[in-house]
Amino acid sequence: MTALNVLGTALVPCSYDPLTGYFRDGCCNTDAQDHGTHVICARVTQAFLDFSLSKGNDLISPQSAYRFAGLKPGDRWCLCAMRWKEALAAGAAPPVVLESTHAKALEFISLAQLSAPL
């Protein structure tokens, strides 16, 4: 079964370089084991990377043990729904790629919030 995005169409891959997604399949797919609900495909900004770091999630530093090179502004990455929402409230949310954002995101955040210019 094909996953749907927030627009109701087939979920489009978010990024293969860097390779993202809970399953590291390039898509913001999810299942019951994904406790962070990594469903929002975003184009990360320096403001978001700094915000995430301030919350204890370093997405900047390379982690060779996980074959993770670290993110830089402009990279696309599947983010946890609640972290994106928290960043929105703090004025640090990165723009969302709607075609690549899983429909499950709508359980946490409205389409209007996801599609608003930031």
PDB file of N, CA and C in Angstrom:
ATOM      1  N   MET A   1       0.846  -1.186   0.000  1.00  0.00           N
ATOM      2  CA  MET A   1       0.000   0.000   0.000  1.00  0.00           C
ATOM      3  C   MET A   1       0.892   1.250   0.000  1.00  0.00           C
ATOM      4  N   THR A   2       0.578   2.171  -0.857  1.00  0.00           N
ATOM      5  CA  THR A   2       1.350   3.397  -0.974  1.00  0.00           C
ATOM      6  C   THR A   2       0.953   4.381   0.122  1.00  0.00           C
ATOM      7  N   ALA A   3       1.950   4.933   0.786  1.00  0.00           N
ATOM      8  CA  ALA A   3       1.685   5.954   1.809  1.00  0.00           C
ATOM      9  C   ALA A   3       1.237   7.237   1.124  1.00  0.00           C
ATOM     10  N   LEU A   4       0.426   8.008   1.822  1.00  0.00           N
ATOM     11  CA  LEU A   4      -0.064   9.282   1.303  1.00  0.00           C
ATOM     12  C   LEU A   4       0.620  10.444   1.998  1.00  0.00           C
ATOM     13  N   ASN A   5       0.710  11.551   1.278  1.00  0.00           N
ATOM     14  CA  ASN A   5       1.251  12.776   1.862  1.00  0.00           C
ATOM     15  C   ASN A   5       0.106  13.645   2.384  1.00  0.00           C
ATOM     16  N   VAL A   6       0.426  14.801   2.930  1.00  0.00           N
ATOM     17  CA  VAL A   6      -0.586  15.688   3.514  1.00  0.00           C
ATOM     18  C   VAL A   6      -1.528  16.277   2.474  1.00  0.00           C
ATOM     19  N   LEU A   7      -1.199  16.139   1.201  1.00  0.00           N
ATOM     20  CA  LEU A   7      -2.052  16.636   0.118  1.00  0.00           C
ATOM     21  C   LEU A   7      -2.993  15.552  -0.392  1.00  0.00           C
ATOM     22  N   GLY A   8      -2.853  14.321   0.150  1.00  0.00           N
ATOM     23  CA  GLY A   8      -3.721  13.216  -0.242  1.00  0.00           C
ATOM     24  C   GLY A   8      -3.227  12.459  -1.462  1.00  0.00           C
ATOM     25  N   THR A   9      -2.017  12.724  -1.915  1.00  0.00           N
ATOM     26  CA  THR A   9      -1.442  12.013  -3.053  1.00  0.00           C
ATOM     27  C   THR A   9      -0.293  11.126  -2.559  1.00  0.00           C
ATOM     28  N   ALA A  10       0.287  10.365  -3.462  1.00  0.00           N
ATOM     29  CA  ALA A  10       1.365   9.443  -3.086  1.00  0.00           C
ATOM     30  C   ALA A  10       2.538  10.203  -2.470  1.00  0.00           C
ATOM     31  N   LEU A  11       3.066   9.641  -1.395  1.00  0.00           N
ATOM     32  CA  LEU A  11       4.210  10.225  -0.701  1.00  0.00           C
ATOM     33  C   LEU A  11       5.430  10.188  -1.616  1.00  0.00           C
ATOM     34  N   VAL A  12       6.058  11.347  -1.788  1.00  0.00           N
ATOM     35  CA  VAL A  12       7.243  11.498  -2.631  1.00  0.00           C
ATOM     36  C   VAL A  12       8.477  11.437  -1.735  1.00  0.00           C
ATOM     37  N   PRO A  13       9.573  10.818  -2.196  1.00  0.00           N
ATOM     38  CA  PRO A  13      10.786  10.783  -1.372  1.00  0.00           C
ATOM     39  C   PRO A  13      11.221  12.176  -0.928  1.00  0.00           C
ATOM     40  N   CYS A  14      11.790  12.229   0.266  1.00  0.00           N
ATOM     41  CA  CYS A  14      12.264  13.486   0.845  1.00  0.00           C
ATOM     42  C   CYS A  14      13.723  13.723   0.469  1.00  0.00           C
ATOM     43  N   SER A  15      14.599  12.743   0.741  1.00  0.00           N
ATOM     44  CA  SER A  15      16.020  12.909   0.427  1.00  0.00           C
ATOM     45  C   SER A  15      16.752  11.574   0.452  1.00  0.00           C
ATOM     46  N   TYR A  16      17.577  11.386  -0.566  1.00  0.00           N
ATOM     47  CA  TYR A  16      18.479  10.243  -0.601  1.00  0.00           C
ATOM     48  C   TYR A  16      19.897  10.660  -0.239  1.00  0.00           C
ATOM     49  N   ASP A  17      20.169  11.967  -0.281  1.00  0.00           N
ATOM     50  CA  ASP A  17      21.502  12.487   0.049  1.00  0.00           C
ATOM     51  C   ASP A  17      21.344  13.837   0.726  1.00  0.00           C
ATOM     52  N   PRO A  18      21.318  13.895   2.054  1.00  0.00           N
ATOM     53  CA  PRO A  18      21.556  12.769   2.957  1.00  0.00           C
ATOM     54  C   PRO A  18      20.361  11.815   2.992  1.00  0.00           C
ATOM     55  N   LEU A  19      20.655  10.547   3.270  1.00  0.00           N
ATOM     56  CA  LEU A  19      19.610   9.535   3.331  1.00  0.00           C
ATOM     57  C   LEU A  19      18.812   9.725   4.617  1.00  0.00           C
ATOM     58  N   THR A  20      17.526   9.987   4.463  1.00  0.00           N
ATOM     59  CA  THR A  20      16.674  10.328   5.595  1.00  0.00           C
ATOM     60  C   THR A  20      15.570   9.311   5.793  1.00  0.00           C
ATOM     61  N   GLY A  21      14.756   9.563   6.785  1.00  0.00           N
ATOM     62  CA  GLY A  21      13.596   8.740   7.089  1.00  0.00           C
ATOM     63  C   GLY A  21      13.850   7.803   8.249  1.00  0.00           C
ATOM     64  N   TYR A  22      12.815   7.514   8.978  1.00  0.00           N
ATOM     65  CA  TYR A  22      12.900   6.590  10.108  1.00  0.00           C
ATOM     66  C   TYR A  22      13.488   5.257   9.665  1.00  0.00           C
ATOM     67  N   PHE A  23      13.112   4.819   8.458  1.00  0.00           N
ATOM     68  CA  PHE A  23      13.614   3.556   7.916  1.00  0.00           C
ATOM     69  C   PHE A  23      14.863   3.742   7.051  1.00  0.00           C
ATOM     70  N   ARG A  24      15.358   4.977   6.955  1.00  0.00           N
ATOM     71  CA  ARG A  24      16.486   5.332   6.085  1.00  0.00           C
ATOM     72  C   ARG A  24      16.227   4.816   4.664  1.00  0.00           C
ATOM     73  N   ASP A  25      15.008   5.123   4.182  1.00  0.00           N
ATOM     74  CA  ASP A  25      14.612   4.745   2.825  1.00  0.00           C
ATOM     75  C   ASP A  25      14.406   5.966   1.941  1.00  0.00           C
ATOM     76  N   GLY A  26      14.754   7.150   2.464  1.00  0.00           N
ATOM     77  CA  GLY A  26      14.594   8.376   1.695  1.00  0.00           C
ATOM     78  C   GLY A  26      13.229   9.026   1.839  1.00  0.00           C
ATOM     79  N   CYS A  27      12.294   8.311   2.464  1.00  0.00           N
ATOM     80  CA  CYS A  27      10.921   8.811   2.617  1.00  0.00           C
ATOM     81  C   CYS A  27      10.586   9.001   4.098  1.00  0.00           C
ATOM     82  N   CYS A  28       9.595   9.843   4.346  1.00  0.00           N
ATOM     83  CA  CYS A  28       9.143  10.092   5.718  1.00  0.00           C
ATOM     84  C   CYS A  28       8.052   9.101   6.103  1.00  0.00           C
ATOM     85  N   ASN A  29       8.329   7.809   5.877  1.00  0.00           N
ATOM     86  CA  ASN A  29       7.415   6.742   6.272  1.00  0.00           C
ATOM     87  C   ASN A  29       7.486   6.545   7.784  1.00  0.00           C
ATOM     88  N   THR A  30       6.470   5.899   8.318  1.00  0.00           N
ATOM     89  CA  THR A  30       6.395   5.702   9.764  1.00  0.00           C
ATOM     90  C   THR A  30       5.658   4.412  10.073  1.00  0.00           C
ATOM     91  N   ASP A  31       5.774   3.975  11.306  1.00  0.00           N
ATOM     92  CA  ASP A  31       4.979   2.861  11.814  1.00  0.00           C
ATOM     93  C   ASP A  31       4.864   3.014  13.329  1.00  0.00           C
ATOM     94  N   ALA A  32       4.271   2.053  13.978  1.00  0.00           N
ATOM     95  CA  ALA A  32       4.029   2.144  15.423  1.00  0.00           C
ATOM     96  C   ALA A  32       5.322   2.199  16.243  1.00  0.00           C
ATOM     97  N   GLN A  33       6.422   1.704  15.699  1.00  0.00           N
ATOM     98  CA  GLN A  33       7.706   1.718  16.410  1.00  0.00           C
ATOM     99  C   GLN A  33       8.386   3.089  16.365  1.00  0.00           C
ATOM    100  N   ASP A  34       7.945   3.954  15.467  1.00  0.00           N
ATOM    101  CA  ASP A  34       8.530   5.287  15.289  1.00  0.00           C
ATOM    102  C   ASP A  34       7.945   6.233  16.335  1.00  0.00           C
ATOM    103  N   HIS A  35       8.501   6.180  17.536  1.00  0.00           N
ATOM    104  CA  HIS A  35       7.955   6.970  18.643  1.00  0.00           C
ATOM    105  C   HIS A  35       8.129   8.468  18.441  1.00  0.00           C
ATOM    106  N   GLY A  36       9.072   8.887  17.604  1.00  0.00           N
ATOM    107  CA  GLY A  36       9.266  10.301  17.323  1.00  0.00           C
ATOM    108  C   GLY A  36       8.380  10.809  16.205  1.00  0.00           C
ATOM    109  N   THR A  37       7.733   9.902  15.489  1.00  0.00           N
ATOM    110  CA  THR A  37       6.872  10.231  14.358  1.00  0.00           C
ATOM    111  C   THR A  37       7.619  11.159  13.385  1.00  0.00           C
ATOM    112  N   HIS A  38       8.637  10.605  12.728  1.00  0.00           N
ATOM    113  CA  HIS A  38       9.506  11.328  11.785  1.00  0.00           C
ATOM    114  C   HIS A  38       8.805  11.468  10.437  1.00  0.00           C
ATOM    115  N   VAL A  39       7.816  12.343  10.361  1.00  0.00           N
ATOM    116  CA  VAL A  39       6.939  12.388   9.184  1.00  0.00           C
ATOM    117  C   VAL A  39       6.962  13.706   8.418  1.00  0.00           C
ATOM    118  N   ILE A  40       7.670  14.701   8.907  1.00  0.00           N
ATOM    119  CA  ILE A  40       7.678  16.005   8.235  1.00  0.00           C
ATOM    120  C   ILE A  40       8.967  16.167   7.453  1.00  0.00           C
ATOM    121  N   CYS A  41       8.828  16.286   6.139  1.00  0.00           N
ATOM    122  CA  CYS A  41       9.986  16.543   5.290  1.00  0.00           C
ATOM    123  C   CYS A  41      10.197  18.049   5.268  1.00  0.00           C
ATOM    124  N   ALA A  42      11.354  18.464   5.763  1.00  0.00           N
ATOM    125  CA  ALA A  42      11.657  19.897   5.827  1.00  0.00           C
ATOM    126  C   ALA A  42      13.002  20.186   5.183  1.00  0.00           C
ATOM    127  N   ARG A  43      13.131  21.390   4.687  1.00  0.00           N
ATOM    128  CA  ARG A  43      14.417  21.894   4.206  1.00  0.00           C
ATOM    129  C   ARG A  43      15.002  22.644   5.401  1.00  0.00           C
ATOM    130  N   VAL A  44      15.974  22.025   6.068  1.00  0.00           N
ATOM    131  CA  VAL A  44      16.461  22.579   7.327  1.00  0.00           C
ATOM    132  C   VAL A  44      17.173  23.919   7.123  1.00  0.00           C
ATOM    133  N   THR A  45      17.038  24.746   8.132  1.00  0.00           N
ATOM    134  CA  THR A  45      17.683  26.059   8.161  1.00  0.00           C
ATOM    135  C   THR A  45      18.675  26.085   9.316  1.00  0.00           C
ATOM    136  N   GLN A  46      19.571  27.062   9.301  1.00  0.00           N
ATOM    137  CA  GLN A  46      20.513  27.181  10.416  1.00  0.00           C
ATOM    138  C   GLN A  46      19.755  27.454  11.711  1.00  0.00           C
ATOM    139  N   ALA A  47      18.694  28.260  11.628  1.00  0.00           N
ATOM    140  CA  ALA A  47      17.896  28.563  12.825  1.00  0.00           C
ATOM    141  C   ALA A  47      17.308  27.277  13.411  1.00  0.00           C
ATOM    142  N   PHE A  48      16.809  26.387  12.562  1.00  0.00           N
ATOM    143  CA  PHE A  48      16.258  25.136  13.068  1.00  0.00           C
ATOM    144  C   PHE A  48      17.356  24.242  13.634  1.00  0.00           C
ATOM    145  N   LEU A  49      18.484  24.131  12.933  1.00  0.00           N
ATOM    146  CA  LEU A  49      19.578  23.293  13.418  1.00  0.00           C
ATOM    147  C   LEU A  49      20.056  23.769  14.791  1.00  0.00           C
ATOM    148  N   ASP A  50      20.158  25.084  14.956  1.00  0.00           N
ATOM    149  CA  ASP A  50      20.550  25.646  16.257  1.00  0.00           C
ATOM    150  C   ASP A  50      19.490  25.363  17.320  1.00  0.00           C
ATOM    151  N   PHE A  51      18.224  25.501  16.944  1.00  0.00           N
ATOM    152  CA  PHE A  51      17.123  25.218  17.871  1.00  0.00           C
ATOM    153  C   PHE A  51      17.161  23.757  18.300  1.00  0.00           C
ATOM    154  N   SER A  52      17.312  22.858  17.347  1.00  0.00           N
ATOM    155  CA  SER A  52      17.360  21.429  17.650  1.00  0.00           C
ATOM    156  C   SER A  52      18.532  21.111  18.582  1.00  0.00           C
ATOM    157  N   LEU A  53      19.674  21.708  18.314  1.00  0.00           N
ATOM    158  CA  LEU A  53      20.846  21.512  19.169  1.00  0.00           C
ATOM    159  C   LEU A  53      20.561  21.990  20.598  1.00  0.00           C
ATOM    160  N   SER A  54      19.862  23.118  20.717  1.00  0.00           N
ATOM    161  CA  SER A  54      19.543  23.655  22.047  1.00  0.00           C
ATOM    162  C   SER A  54      18.598  22.740  22.822  1.00  0.00           C
ATOM    163  N   LYS A  55      17.900  21.865  22.104  1.00  0.00           N
ATOM    164  CA  LYS A  55      16.979  20.908  22.731  1.00  0.00           C
ATOM    165  C   LYS A  55      17.632  19.542  22.936  1.00  0.00           C
ATOM    166  N   GLY A  56      18.941  19.466  22.659  1.00  0.00           N
ATOM    167  CA  GLY A  56      19.661  18.227  22.896  1.00  0.00           C
ATOM    168  C   GLY A  56      19.745  17.280  21.718  1.00  0.00           C
ATOM    169  N   ASN A  57      19.296  17.706  20.536  1.00  0.00           N
ATOM    170  CA  ASN A  57      19.356  16.856  19.349  1.00  0.00           C
ATOM    171  C   ASN A  57      20.311  17.495  18.341  1.00  0.00           C
ATOM    172  N   ASP A  58      21.544  17.028  18.341  1.00  0.00           N
ATOM    173  CA  ASP A  58      22.586  17.562  17.464  1.00  0.00           C
ATOM    174  C   ASP A  58      22.462  16.934  16.084  1.00  0.00           C
ATOM    175  N   LEU A  59      21.923  17.693  15.143  1.00  0.00           N
ATOM    176  CA  LEU A  59      21.803  17.235  13.763  1.00  0.00           C
ATOM    177  C   LEU A  59      22.934  17.775  12.891  1.00  0.00           C
ATOM    178  N   ILE A  60      23.854  18.522  13.497  1.00  0.00           N
ATOM    179  CA  ILE A  60      24.937  19.173  12.761  1.00  0.00           C
ATOM    180  C   ILE A  60      26.206  18.318  12.741  1.00  0.00           C
ATOM    181  N   SER A  61      26.576  17.760  13.877  1.00  0.00           N
ATOM    182  CA  SER A  61      27.830  17.022  13.997  1.00  0.00           C
ATOM    183  C   SER A  61      27.758  15.657  13.322  1.00  0.00           C
ATOM    184  N   PRO A  62      28.783  15.315  12.562  1.00  0.00           N
ATOM    185  CA  PRO A  62      28.835  13.979  11.956  1.00  0.00           C
ATOM    186  C   PRO A  62      28.863  12.895  13.035  1.00  0.00           C
ATOM    187  N   GLN A  63      28.212  11.783  12.765  1.00  0.00           N
ATOM    188  CA  GLN A  63      28.192  10.620  13.661  1.00  0.00           C
ATOM    189  C   GLN A  63      28.555   9.405  12.804  1.00  0.00           C
ATOM    190  N   SER A  64      29.845   9.123  12.702  1.00  0.00           N
ATOM    191  CA  SER A  64      30.307   8.062  11.803  1.00  0.00           C
ATOM    192  C   SER A  64      29.731   6.696  12.159  1.00  0.00           C
ATOM    193  N   ALA A  65      29.478   6.447  13.431  1.00  0.00           N
ATOM    194  CA  ALA A  65      28.918   5.159  13.847  1.00  0.00           C
ATOM    195  C   ALA A  65      27.550   4.907  13.212  1.00  0.00           C
ATOM    196  N   TYR A  66      26.857   5.985  12.863  1.00  0.00           N
ATOM    197  CA  TYR A  66      25.530   5.873  12.252  1.00  0.00           C
ATOM    198  C   TYR A  66      25.553   6.250  10.772  1.00  0.00           C
ATOM    199  N   ARG A  67      26.753   6.393  10.221  1.00  0.00           N
ATOM    200  CA  ARG A  67      26.929   6.817   8.823  1.00  0.00           C
ATOM    201  C   ARG A  67      26.144   8.100   8.552  1.00  0.00           C
ATOM    202  N   PHE A  68      26.258   9.035   9.509  1.00  0.00           N
ATOM    203  CA  PHE A  68      25.557  10.320   9.427  1.00  0.00           C
ATOM    204  C   PHE A  68      26.598  11.423   9.292  1.00  0.00           C
ATOM    205  N   ALA A  69      26.557  12.148   8.179  1.00  0.00           N
ATOM    206  CA  ALA A  69      27.557  13.188   7.902  1.00  0.00           C
ATOM    207  C   ALA A  69      27.238  14.516   8.567  1.00  0.00           C
ATOM    208  N   GLY A  70      26.058  14.637   9.172  1.00  0.00           N
ATOM    209  CA  GLY A  70      25.635  15.916   9.747  1.00  0.00           C
ATOM    210  C   GLY A  70      24.878  16.711   8.697  1.00  0.00           C
ATOM    211  N   LEU A  71      23.927  17.505   9.154  1.00  0.00           N
ATOM    212  CA  LEU A  71      23.108  18.303   8.232  1.00  0.00           C
ATOM    213  C   LEU A  71      23.650  19.713   8.114  1.00  0.00           C
ATOM    214  N   LYS A  72      23.369  20.318   6.971  1.00  0.00           N
ATOM    215  CA  LYS A  72      23.699  21.722   6.746  1.00  0.00           C
ATOM    216  C   LYS A  72      22.454  22.403   6.200  1.00  0.00           C
ATOM    217  N   PRO A  73      22.359  23.723   6.349  1.00  0.00           N
ATOM    218  CA  PRO A  73      21.187  24.428   5.835  1.00  0.00           C
ATOM    219  C   PRO A  73      20.928  24.079   4.370  1.00  0.00           C
ATOM    220  N   GLY A  74      19.658  23.832   4.065  1.00  0.00           N
ATOM    221  CA  GLY A  74      19.254  23.467   2.712  1.00  0.00           C
ATOM    222  C   GLY A  74      19.026  21.980   2.529  1.00  0.00           C
ATOM    223  N   ASP A  75      19.612  21.155   3.419  1.00  0.00           N
ATOM    224  CA  ASP A  75      19.369  19.715   3.344  1.00  0.00           C
ATOM    225  C   ASP A  75      17.914  19.426   3.659  1.00  0.00           C
ATOM    226  N   ARG A  76      17.384  18.389   3.021  1.00  0.00           N
ATOM    227  CA  ARG A  76      16.034  17.922   3.336  1.00  0.00           C
ATOM    228  C   ARG A  76      16.145  16.758   4.299  1.00  0.00           C
ATOM    229  N   TRP A  77      15.260  16.745   5.317  1.00  0.00           N
ATOM    230  CA  TRP A  77      15.350  15.752   6.387  1.00  0.00           C
ATOM    231  C   TRP A  77      13.961  15.473   6.943  1.00  0.00           C
ATOM    232  N   CYS A  78      13.692  14.238   7.314  1.00  0.00           N
ATOM    233  CA  CYS A  78      12.420  13.883   7.945  1.00  0.00           C
ATOM    234  C   CYS A  78      12.507  14.225   9.431  1.00  0.00           C
ATOM    235  N   LEU A  79      11.695  15.159   9.853  1.00  0.00           N
ATOM    236  CA  LEU A  79      11.700  15.638  11.234  1.00  0.00           C
ATOM    237  C   LEU A  79      10.558  15.035  12.034  1.00  0.00           C
ATOM    238  N   CYS A  80      10.770  14.964  13.340  1.00  0.00           N
ATOM    239  CA  CYS A  80       9.707  14.555  14.266  1.00  0.00           C
ATOM    240  C   CYS A  80       8.615  15.629  14.243  1.00  0.00           C
ATOM    241  N   ALA A  81       7.380  15.188  14.180  1.00  0.00           N
ATOM    242  CA  ALA A  81       6.260  16.125  14.099  1.00  0.00           C
ATOM    243  C   ALA A  81       6.245  17.099  15.279  1.00  0.00           C
ATOM    244  N   MET A  82       6.426  16.587  16.474  1.00  0.00           N
ATOM    245  CA  MET A  82       6.329  17.464  17.645  1.00  0.00           C
ATOM    246  C   MET A  82       7.526  18.417  17.742  1.00  0.00           C
ATOM    247  N   ARG A  83       8.705  18.008  17.277  1.00  0.00           N
ATOM    248  CA  ARG A  83       9.854  18.926  17.290  1.00  0.00           C
ATOM    249  C   ARG A  83       9.617  20.075  16.305  1.00  0.00           C
ATOM    250  N   TRP A  84       9.037  19.753  15.128  1.00  0.00           N
ATOM    251  CA  TRP A  84       8.738  20.808  14.158  1.00  0.00           C
ATOM    252  C   TRP A  84       7.710  21.775  14.767  1.00  0.00           C
ATOM    253  N   LYS A  85       6.691  21.232  15.412  1.00  0.00           N
ATOM    254  CA  LYS A  85       5.656  22.066  16.033  1.00  0.00           C
ATOM    255  C   LYS A  85       6.253  22.937  17.134  1.00  0.00           C
ATOM    256  N   GLU A  86       7.158  22.370  17.920  1.00  0.00           N
ATOM    257  CA  GLU A  86       7.848  23.111  18.969  1.00  0.00           C
ATOM    258  C   GLU A  86       8.695  24.236  18.353  1.00  0.00           C
ATOM    259  N   ALA A  87       9.366  23.932  17.247  1.00  0.00           N
ATOM    260  CA  ALA A  87      10.175  24.941  16.550  1.00  0.00           C
ATOM    261  C   ALA A  87       9.278  26.037  15.967  1.00  0.00           C
ATOM    262  N   LEU A  88       8.100  25.665  15.501  1.00  0.00           N
ATOM    263  CA  LEU A  88       7.163  26.660  14.970  1.00  0.00           C
ATOM    264  C   LEU A  88       6.799  27.665  16.064  1.00  0.00           C
ATOM    265  N   ALA A  89       6.482  27.168  17.237  1.00  0.00           N
ATOM    266  CA  ALA A  89       6.117  28.047  18.354  1.00  0.00           C
ATOM    267  C   ALA A  89       7.280  28.952  18.759  1.00  0.00           C
ATOM    268  N   ALA A  90       8.512  28.488  18.532  1.00  0.00           N
ATOM    269  CA  ALA A  90       9.698  29.266  18.895  1.00  0.00           C
ATOM    270  C   ALA A  90      10.198  30.151  17.748  1.00  0.00           C
ATOM    271  N   GLY A  91       9.492  30.125  16.617  1.00  0.00           N
ATOM    272  CA  GLY A  91       9.903  30.934  15.467  1.00  0.00           C
ATOM    273  C   GLY A  91      11.100  30.377  14.726  1.00  0.00           C
ATOM    274  N   ALA A  92      11.343  29.069  14.852  1.00  0.00           N
ATOM    275  CA  ALA A  92      12.522  28.460  14.221  1.00  0.00           C
ATOM    276  C   ALA A  92      12.181  27.287  13.301  1.00  0.00           C
ATOM    277  N   ALA A  93      10.912  27.139  12.930  1.00  0.00           N
ATOM    278  CA  ALA A  93      10.520  26.000  12.090  1.00  0.00           C
ATOM    279  C   ALA A  93      11.041  26.183  10.669  1.00  0.00           C
ATOM    280  N   PRO A  94      11.590  25.102  10.094  1.00  0.00           N
ATOM    281  CA  PRO A  94      12.034  25.174   8.706  1.00  0.00           C
ATOM    282  C   PRO A  94      10.861  24.952   7.752  1.00  0.00           C
ATOM    283  N   PRO A  95      11.002  25.389   6.499  1.00  0.00           N
ATOM    284  CA  PRO A  95       9.926  25.172   5.525  1.00  0.00           C
ATOM    285  C   PRO A  95       9.709  23.682   5.261  1.00  0.00           C
ATOM    286  N   VAL A  96       8.456  23.335   4.970  1.00  0.00           N
ATOM    287  CA  VAL A  96       8.032  21.951   4.777  1.00  0.00           C
ATOM    288  C   VAL A  96       7.866  21.656   3.289  1.00  0.00           C
ATOM    289  N   VAL A  97       8.268  20.448   2.901  1.00  0.00           N
ATOM    290  CA  VAL A  97       8.040  19.942   1.547  1.00  0.00           C
ATOM    291  C   VAL A  97       6.771  19.091   1.643  1.00  0.00           C
ATOM    292  N   LEU A  98       5.636  19.679   1.269  1.00  0.00           N
ATOM    293  CA  LEU A  98       4.331  19.034   1.483  1.00  0.00           C
ATOM    294  C   LEU A  98       4.199  17.699   0.769  1.00  0.00           C
ATOM    295  N   GLU A  99       4.696  17.593  -0.449  1.00  0.00           N
ATOM    296  CA  GLU A  99       4.575  16.363  -1.233  1.00  0.00           C
ATOM    297  C   GLU A  99       5.310  15.191  -0.575  1.00  0.00           C
ATOM    298  N   SER A 100       6.284  15.525   0.275  1.00  0.00           N
ATOM    299  CA  SER A 100       7.110  14.507   0.926  1.00  0.00           C
ATOM    300  C   SER A 100       6.822  14.361   2.411  1.00  0.00           C
ATOM    301  N   THR A 101       5.779  15.030   2.894  1.00  0.00           N
ATOM    302  CA  THR A 101       5.392  14.964   4.305  1.00  0.00           C
ATOM    303  C   THR A 101       4.230  13.991   4.462  1.00  0.00           C
ATOM    304  N   HIS A 102       4.427  12.984   5.291  1.00  0.00           N
ATOM    305  CA  HIS A 102       3.453  11.904   5.489  1.00  0.00           C
ATOM    306  C   HIS A 102       2.138  12.453   6.047  1.00  0.00           C
ATOM    307  N   ALA A 103       1.027  11.882   5.601  1.00  0.00           N
ATOM    308  CA  ALA A 103      -0.310  12.304   6.047  1.00  0.00           C
ATOM    309  C   ALA A 103      -0.471  12.222   7.563  1.00  0.00           C
ATOM    310  N   LYS A 104       0.284  11.363   8.230  1.00  0.00           N
ATOM    311  CA  LYS A 104       0.184  11.239   9.692  1.00  0.00           C
ATOM    312  C   LYS A 104       0.515  12.561  10.392  1.00  0.00           C
ATOM    313  N   ALA A 105       1.268  13.428   9.732  1.00  0.00           N
ATOM    314  CA  ALA A 105       1.607  14.731  10.320  1.00  0.00           C
ATOM    315  C   ALA A 105       0.349  15.518  10.671  1.00  0.00           C
ATOM    316  N   LEU A 106      -0.726  15.297   9.914  1.00  0.00           N
ATOM    317  CA  LEU A 106      -1.975  16.035  10.152  1.00  0.00           C
ATOM    318  C   LEU A 106      -2.645  15.661  11.476  1.00  0.00           C
ATOM    319  N   GLU A 107      -2.186  14.599  12.115  1.00  0.00           N
ATOM    320  CA  GLU A 107      -2.695  14.251  13.440  1.00  0.00           C
ATOM    321  C   GLU A 107      -2.138  15.192  14.507  1.00  0.00           C
ATOM    322  N   PHE A 108      -1.075  15.916  14.162  1.00  0.00           N
ATOM    323  CA  PHE A 108      -0.389  16.788  15.115  1.00  0.00           C
ATOM    324  C   PHE A 108      -0.421  18.263  14.725  1.00  0.00           C
ATOM    325  N   ILE A 109      -0.444  18.516  13.412  1.00  0.00           N
ATOM    326  CA  ILE A 109      -0.275  19.868  12.888  1.00  0.00           C
ATOM    327  C   ILE A 109      -1.237  20.056  11.723  1.00  0.00           C
ATOM    328  N   SER A 110      -1.839  21.230  11.626  1.00  0.00           N
ATOM    329  CA  SER A 110      -2.777  21.475  10.531  1.00  0.00           C
ATOM    330  C   SER A 110      -2.052  21.708   9.210  1.00  0.00           C
ATOM    331  N   LEU A 111      -2.743  21.444   8.120  1.00  0.00           N
ATOM    332  CA  LEU A 111      -2.179  21.702   6.798  1.00  0.00           C
ATOM    333  C   LEU A 111      -1.868  23.190   6.640  1.00  0.00           C
ATOM    334  N   ALA A 112      -2.695  24.038   7.229  1.00  0.00           N
ATOM    335  CA  ALA A 112      -2.447  25.484   7.160  1.00  0.00           C
ATOM    336  C   ALA A 112      -1.111  25.835   7.814  1.00  0.00           C
ATOM    337  N   GLN A 113      -0.820  25.235   8.960  1.00  0.00           N
ATOM    338  CA  GLN A 113       0.460  25.499   9.636  1.00  0.00           C
ATOM    339  C   GLN A 113       1.626  24.968   8.808  1.00  0.00           C
ATOM    340  N   LEU A 114       1.463  23.759   8.259  1.00  0.00           N
ATOM    341  CA  LEU A 114       2.532  23.152   7.476  1.00  0.00           C
ATOM    342  C   LEU A 114       2.826  23.921   6.197  1.00  0.00           C
ATOM    343  N   SER A 115       1.805  24.518   5.613  1.00  0.00           N
ATOM    344  CA  SER A 115       1.982  25.186   4.323  1.00  0.00           C
ATOM    345  C   SER A 115       2.193  26.691   4.432  1.00  0.00           C
ATOM    346  N   ALA A 116       2.123  27.232   5.623  1.00  0.00           N
ATOM    347  CA  ALA A 116       2.314  28.690   5.800  1.00  0.00           C
ATOM    348  C   ALA A 116       3.750  29.071   5.464  1.00  0.00           C
ATOM    349  N   PRO A 117       3.904  30.221   4.817  1.00  0.00           N
ATOM    350  CA  PRO A 117       5.278  30.683   4.555  1.00  0.00           C
ATOM    351  C   PRO A 117       5.976  31.014   5.862  1.00  0.00           C
ATOM    352  N   LEU A 118       7.227  30.626   5.946  1.00  0.00           N
ATOM    353  CA  LEU A 118       7.980  30.850   7.196  1.00  0.00           C
ATOM    354  C   LEU A 118       9.037  31.898   7.005  1.00  0.00           C
TER     355      LEU A 118
END
